[in-house]
């Protein structure tokens, strides 16, 4: 029975995007991760018909690929496992019978909503995908004009980058000083 269930899952998790090539310049994402982020970008950023910058003008998945490439190997592996789980869980989670990459837009939006209110792992994975997509879109200067953002004030004001500077030491406040 377990073999039959496993074979059924393997058949259901096949996708028409599996044979599609990845975008040019992708160095760190696997093909499955690339297609997952392509689909998530379209689902999470419905900018068509709005004043926001069209997705065709922002290399969102290429930005994600770059961010993934900055992760240490052990974290990269864990992120990859989480992304695989997020994509494949749609086969049985909600009884969709197909991976996330193959869900219709309304169903994919509901999938994100359900996972955002699900158990701890579901919340974490939905947040992981959302954060990568949103940060990758909004980090691109091409997206700033429609929302009248003229760039980081640190650049505009010529502020020096301090890196991860420690907070100043704080002296304990005496009870007398608060009274």
C-alpha atoms as a PDB file:
ATOM      1  CA  UNK A   1       0.000   0.000   0.000  1.00  0.00           C
ATOM      2  CA  UNK A   2       2.840   2.407   0.861  1.00  0.00           C
ATOM      3  CA  UNK A   3       4.469   1.721  -2.510  1.00  0.00           C
ATOM      4  CA  UNK A   4       1.209   2.519  -4.274  1.00  0.00           C
ATOM      5  CA  UNK A   5       0.813   5.758  -2.326  1.00  0.00           C
ATOM      6  CA  UNK A   6       4.417   6.699  -3.092  1.00  0.00           C
ATOM      7  CA  UNK A   7       3.946   6.005  -6.788  1.00  0.00           C
ATOM      8  CA  UNK A   8       0.739   8.044  -6.784  1.00  0.00           C
ATOM      9  CA  UNK A   9       2.495  10.976  -5.142  1.00  0.00           C
ATOM     10  CA  UNK A  10       5.388  10.757  -7.608  1.00  0.00           C
ATOM     11  CA  UNK A  11       2.917  10.829 -10.500  1.00  0.00           C
ATOM     12  CA  UNK A  12       0.958  13.750  -9.030  1.00  0.00           C
ATOM     13  CA  UNK A  13       4.042  15.845  -8.331  1.00  0.00           C
ATOM     14  CA  UNK A  14       5.068  15.914 -11.984  1.00  0.00           C
ATOM     15  CA  UNK A  15       4.664  19.340 -13.540  1.00  0.00           C
ATOM     16  CA  UNK A  16       4.641  20.823 -17.003  1.00  0.00           C
ATOM     17  CA  UNK A  17       7.268  23.343 -15.824  1.00  0.00           C
ATOM     18  CA  UNK A  18       9.743  20.565 -15.004  1.00  0.00           C
ATOM     19  CA  UNK A  19      11.020  20.508 -18.578  1.00  0.00           C
ATOM     20  CA  UNK A  20      11.231  24.280 -18.975  1.00  0.00           C
ATOM     21  CA  UNK A  21      14.645  25.949 -18.893  1.00  0.00           C
ATOM     22  CA  UNK A  22      15.664  28.360 -16.155  1.00  0.00           C
ATOM     23  CA  UNK A  23      16.276  32.019 -16.861  1.00  0.00           C
ATOM     24  CA  UNK A  24      19.572  33.313 -18.108  1.00  0.00           C
ATOM     25  CA  UNK A  25      22.186  34.017 -15.466  1.00  0.00           C
ATOM     26  CA  UNK A  26      20.628  31.796 -12.769  1.00  0.00           C
ATOM     27  CA  UNK A  27      23.538  30.284 -10.848  1.00  0.00           C
ATOM     28  CA  UNK A  28      22.278  29.238  -7.420  1.00  0.00           C
ATOM     29  CA  UNK A  29      18.623  28.221  -7.704  1.00  0.00           C
ATOM     30  CA  UNK A  30      17.700  24.734  -8.845  1.00  0.00           C
ATOM     31  CA  UNK A  31      15.255  24.479 -11.749  1.00  0.00           C
ATOM     32  CA  UNK A  32      12.412  23.615  -9.341  1.00  0.00           C
ATOM     33  CA  UNK A  33      13.252  26.598  -7.103  1.00  0.00           C
ATOM     34  CA  UNK A  34      13.473  28.894 -10.119  1.00  0.00           C
ATOM     35  CA  UNK A  35       9.998  27.847 -11.302  1.00  0.00           C
ATOM     36  CA  UNK A  36       8.614  28.125  -7.764  1.00  0.00           C
ATOM     37  CA  UNK A  37       9.817  31.723  -7.488  1.00  0.00           C
ATOM     38  CA  UNK A  38       8.577  32.535 -11.004  1.00  0.00           C
ATOM     39  CA  UNK A  39       5.097  31.386  -9.977  1.00  0.00           C
ATOM     40  CA  UNK A  40       5.252  33.013  -6.532  1.00  0.00           C
ATOM     41  CA  UNK A  41       6.278  36.316  -8.108  1.00  0.00           C
ATOM     42  CA  UNK A  42       3.248  36.302 -10.396  1.00  0.00           C
ATOM     43  CA  UNK A  43       0.952  35.347  -7.500  1.00  0.00           C
ATOM     44  CA  UNK A  44       2.332  37.723  -4.863  1.00  0.00           C
ATOM     45  CA  UNK A  45       2.929  40.741  -7.091  1.00  0.00           C
ATOM     46  CA  UNK A  46      -0.205  41.279  -9.206  1.00  0.00           C
ATOM     47  CA  UNK A  47       1.075  44.587 -10.612  1.00  0.00           C
ATOM     48  CA  UNK A  48      -0.464  44.269 -14.070  1.00  0.00           C
ATOM     49  CA  UNK A  49      -2.878  47.121 -14.718  1.00  0.00           C
ATOM     50  CA  UNK A  50      -1.510  49.193 -11.834  1.00  0.00           C
ATOM     51  CA  UNK A  51       0.942  52.096 -11.843  1.00  0.00           C
ATOM     52  CA  UNK A  52       3.573  49.803 -10.285  1.00  0.00           C
ATOM     53  CA  UNK A  53       6.542  48.672 -12.360  1.00  0.00           C
ATOM     54  CA  UNK A  54       5.644  45.596 -14.461  1.00  0.00           C
ATOM     55  CA  UNK A  55       7.346  42.336 -13.541  1.00  0.00           C
ATOM     56  CA  UNK A  56       8.797  42.131 -17.048  1.00  0.00           C
ATOM     57  CA  UNK A  57      10.961  45.156 -16.172  1.00  0.00           C
ATOM     58  CA  UNK A  58      12.258  43.827 -12.843  1.00  0.00           C
ATOM     59  CA  UNK A  59      14.531  40.749 -12.657  1.00  0.00           C
ATOM     60  CA  UNK A  60      12.897  39.491  -9.454  1.00  0.00           C
ATOM     61  CA  UNK A  61      14.012  35.866  -9.690  1.00  0.00           C
ATOM     62  CA  UNK A  62      17.543  36.909 -10.667  1.00  0.00           C
ATOM     63  CA  UNK A  63      17.663  39.076  -7.525  1.00  0.00           C
ATOM     64  CA  UNK A  64      16.455  36.085  -5.479  1.00  0.00           C
ATOM     65  CA  UNK A  65      19.125  33.905  -7.090  1.00  0.00           C
ATOM     66  CA  UNK A  66      21.753  36.438  -6.013  1.00  0.00           C
ATOM     67  CA  UNK A  67      20.413  36.521  -2.425  1.00  0.00           C
ATOM     68  CA  UNK A  68      20.354  32.714  -2.264  1.00  0.00           C
ATOM     69  CA  UNK A  69      23.958  32.690  -3.458  1.00  0.00           C
ATOM     70  CA  UNK A  70      24.978  34.774  -0.449  1.00  0.00           C
ATOM     71  CA  UNK A  71      23.761  32.140   2.025  1.00  0.00           C
ATOM     72  CA  UNK A  72      26.263  29.766   3.650  1.00  0.00           C
ATOM     73  CA  UNK A  73      26.009  26.227   2.290  1.00  0.00           C
ATOM     74  CA  UNK A  74      24.265  24.710   5.309  1.00  0.00           C
ATOM     75  CA  UNK A  75      21.566  27.417   5.294  1.00  0.00           C
ATOM     76  CA  UNK A  76      21.216  27.178   1.527  1.00  0.00           C
ATOM     77  CA  UNK A  77      20.519  23.461   1.866  1.00  0.00           C
ATOM     78  CA  UNK A  78      17.848  24.047   4.529  1.00  0.00           C
ATOM     79  CA  UNK A  79      16.192  26.801   2.491  1.00  0.00           C
ATOM     80  CA  UNK A  80      16.144  24.443  -0.491  1.00  0.00           C
ATOM     81  CA  UNK A  81      14.444  21.725   1.556  1.00  0.00           C
ATOM     82  CA  UNK A  82      11.845  24.230   2.746  1.00  0.00           C
ATOM     83  CA  UNK A  83      11.145  25.448  -0.778  1.00  0.00           C
ATOM     84  CA  UNK A  84      10.744  21.860  -1.980  1.00  0.00           C
ATOM     85  CA  UNK A  85       8.303  21.182   0.848  1.00  0.00           C
ATOM     86  CA  UNK A  86       6.308  24.345   0.089  1.00  0.00           C
ATOM     87  CA  UNK A  87       5.993  23.435  -3.600  1.00  0.00           C
ATOM     88  CA  UNK A  88       5.230  19.727  -3.185  1.00  0.00           C
ATOM     89  CA  UNK A  89       2.940  19.990  -0.162  1.00  0.00           C
ATOM     90  CA  UNK A  90       0.220  21.458  -2.375  1.00  0.00           C
ATOM     91  CA  UNK A  91      -0.274  17.957  -3.797  1.00  0.00           C
ATOM     92  CA  UNK A  92      -1.834  16.823  -0.511  1.00  0.00           C
ATOM     93  CA  UNK A  93      -2.305  20.026   1.516  1.00  0.00           C
ATOM     94  CA  UNK A  94      -5.776  21.236   0.609  1.00  0.00           C
ATOM     95  CA  UNK A  95      -6.096  18.235  -1.712  1.00  0.00           C
ATOM     96  CA  UNK A  96      -4.999  20.240  -4.742  1.00  0.00           C
ATOM     97  CA  UNK A  97      -3.476  17.192  -6.432  1.00  0.00           C
ATOM     98  CA  UNK A  98      -0.730  19.310  -7.981  1.00  0.00           C
ATOM     99  CA  UNK A  99       2.317  21.272  -6.967  1.00  0.00           C
ATOM    100  CA  UNK A 100       2.215  24.959  -6.081  1.00  0.00           C
ATOM    101  CA  UNK A 101       3.782  25.873  -9.429  1.00  0.00           C
ATOM    102  CA  UNK A 102       0.722  24.431 -11.194  1.00  0.00           C
ATOM    103  CA  UNK A 103      -2.022  25.998  -9.069  1.00  0.00           C
ATOM    104  CA  UNK A 104      -4.345  28.539 -10.661  1.00  0.00           C
ATOM    105  CA  UNK A 105      -3.770  32.068  -9.386  1.00  0.00           C
ATOM    106  CA  UNK A 106      -6.791  32.260  -7.054  1.00  0.00           C
ATOM    107  CA  UNK A 107      -5.938  28.851  -5.579  1.00  0.00           C
ATOM    108  CA  UNK A 108      -2.268  29.838  -5.187  1.00  0.00           C
ATOM    109  CA  UNK A 109      -3.281  33.032  -3.351  1.00  0.00           C
ATOM    110  CA  UNK A 110      -5.483  30.946  -1.051  1.00  0.00           C
ATOM    111  CA  UNK A 111      -2.594  28.500  -0.549  1.00  0.00           C
ATOM    112  CA  UNK A 112      -0.409  31.377   0.676  1.00  0.00           C
ATOM    113  CA  UNK A 113      -3.224  32.625   2.916  1.00  0.00           C
ATOM    114  CA  UNK A 114      -3.811  29.165   4.382  1.00  0.00           C
ATOM    115  CA  UNK A 115      -0.109  28.616   5.032  1.00  0.00           C
ATOM    116  CA  UNK A 116       0.233  32.094   6.536  1.00  0.00           C
ATOM    117  CA  UNK A 117      -2.303  31.017   9.164  1.00  0.00           C
ATOM    118  CA  UNK A 118      -1.190  27.383   9.428  1.00  0.00           C
ATOM    119  CA  UNK A 119       1.218  25.618  11.749  1.00  0.00           C
ATOM    120  CA  UNK A 120       4.655  27.002  12.557  1.00  0.00           C
ATOM    121  CA  UNK A 121       6.416  25.328   9.629  1.00  0.00           C
ATOM    122  CA  UNK A 122       3.756  26.488   7.168  1.00  0.00           C
ATOM    123  CA  UNK A 123       3.946  30.068   8.452  1.00  0.00           C
ATOM    124  CA  UNK A 124       7.739  30.034   8.248  1.00  0.00           C
ATOM    125  CA  UNK A 125       7.819  28.710   4.679  1.00  0.00           C
ATOM    126  CA  UNK A 126       5.099  31.062   3.414  1.00  0.00           C
ATOM    127  CA  UNK A 127       6.972  33.956   5.018  1.00  0.00           C
ATOM    128  CA  UNK A 128      10.275  32.780   3.527  1.00  0.00           C
ATOM    129  CA  UNK A 129       8.877  32.772  -0.011  1.00  0.00           C
ATOM    130  CA  UNK A 130       7.053  36.090   0.472  1.00  0.00           C
ATOM    131  CA  UNK A 131      10.100  37.846   1.893  1.00  0.00           C
ATOM    132  CA  UNK A 132      12.361  36.719  -0.915  1.00  0.00           C
ATOM    133  CA  UNK A 133       9.832  37.872  -3.526  1.00  0.00           C
ATOM    134  CA  UNK A 134       8.963  41.216  -1.927  1.00  0.00           C
ATOM    135  CA  UNK A 135      12.557  42.155  -1.101  1.00  0.00           C
ATOM    136  CA  UNK A 136      13.733  41.157  -4.588  1.00  0.00           C
ATOM    137  CA  UNK A 137      11.059  43.329  -6.232  1.00  0.00           C
ATOM    138  CA  UNK A 138      11.367  46.433  -4.070  1.00  0.00           C
ATOM    139  CA  UNK A 139      15.177  46.429  -3.907  1.00  0.00           C
ATOM    140  CA  UNK A 140      15.268  47.251  -7.609  1.00  0.00           C
ATOM    141  CA  UNK A 141      15.427  51.019  -8.251  1.00  0.00           C
ATOM    142  CA  UNK A 142      13.077  50.555 -11.240  1.00  0.00           C
ATOM    143  CA  UNK A 143      10.231  49.964  -8.747  1.00  0.00           C
ATOM    144  CA  UNK A 144      10.758  53.147  -6.745  1.00  0.00           C
ATOM    145  CA  UNK A 145       9.390  55.791  -9.127  1.00  0.00           C
ATOM    146  CA  UNK A 146       5.709  54.797  -9.060  1.00  0.00           C
ATOM    147  CA  UNK A 147       5.678  55.045  -5.241  1.00  0.00           C
ATOM    148  CA  UNK A 148       7.701  58.277  -5.281  1.00  0.00           C
ATOM    149  CA  UNK A 149      10.619  56.792  -3.378  1.00  0.00           C
ATOM    150  CA  UNK A 150      13.817  58.548  -4.367  1.00  0.00           C
ATOM    151  CA  UNK A 151      16.213  56.067  -2.840  1.00  0.00           C
ATOM    152  CA  UNK A 152      17.862  55.414   0.495  1.00  0.00           C
ATOM    153  CA  UNK A 153      18.358  58.579   2.528  1.00  0.00           C
ATOM    154  CA  UNK A 154      21.796  57.350   3.564  1.00  0.00           C
ATOM    155  CA  UNK A 155      22.917  57.815  -0.036  1.00  0.00           C
ATOM    156  CA  UNK A 156      20.983  61.041  -0.551  1.00  0.00           C
ATOM    157  CA  UNK A 157      22.402  62.602   2.615  1.00  0.00           C
ATOM    158  CA  UNK A 158      25.878  61.133   2.194  1.00  0.00           C
ATOM    159  CA  UNK A 159      25.772  59.142   5.438  1.00  0.00           C
ATOM    160  CA  UNK A 160      28.660  56.752   5.973  1.00  0.00           C
ATOM    161  CA  UNK A 161      27.804  53.070   6.146  1.00  0.00           C
ATOM    162  CA  UNK A 162      28.637  51.741   9.606  1.00  0.00           C
ATOM    163  CA  UNK A 163      27.895  48.093   8.944  1.00  0.00           C
ATOM    164  CA  UNK A 164      26.574  46.150  11.893  1.00  0.00           C
ATOM    165  CA  UNK A 165      27.709  48.651  14.478  1.00  0.00           C
ATOM    166  CA  UNK A 166      27.040  47.620  18.077  1.00  0.00           C
ATOM    167  CA  UNK A 167      24.545  49.578  20.122  1.00  0.00           C
ATOM    168  CA  UNK A 168      26.071  51.988  22.622  1.00  0.00           C
ATOM    169  CA  UNK A 169      26.512  50.624  26.117  1.00  0.00           C
ATOM    170  CA  UNK A 170      23.593  51.551  28.293  1.00  0.00           C
ATOM    171  CA  UNK A 171      24.065  52.345  31.931  1.00  0.00           C
ATOM    172  CA  UNK A 172      21.468  50.855  34.246  1.00  0.00           C
ATOM    173  CA  UNK A 173      18.966  53.441  35.408  1.00  0.00           C
ATOM    174  CA  UNK A 174      18.626  53.736  39.168  1.00  0.00           C
ATOM    175  CA  UNK A 175      15.193  53.584  40.757  1.00  0.00           C
ATOM    176  CA  UNK A 176      15.690  57.066  42.173  1.00  0.00           C
ATOM    177  CA  UNK A 177      16.199  58.543  38.700  1.00  0.00           C
ATOM    178  CA  UNK A 178      12.844  57.183  37.520  1.00  0.00           C
ATOM    179  CA  UNK A 179      10.819  58.521  40.440  1.00  0.00           C
END
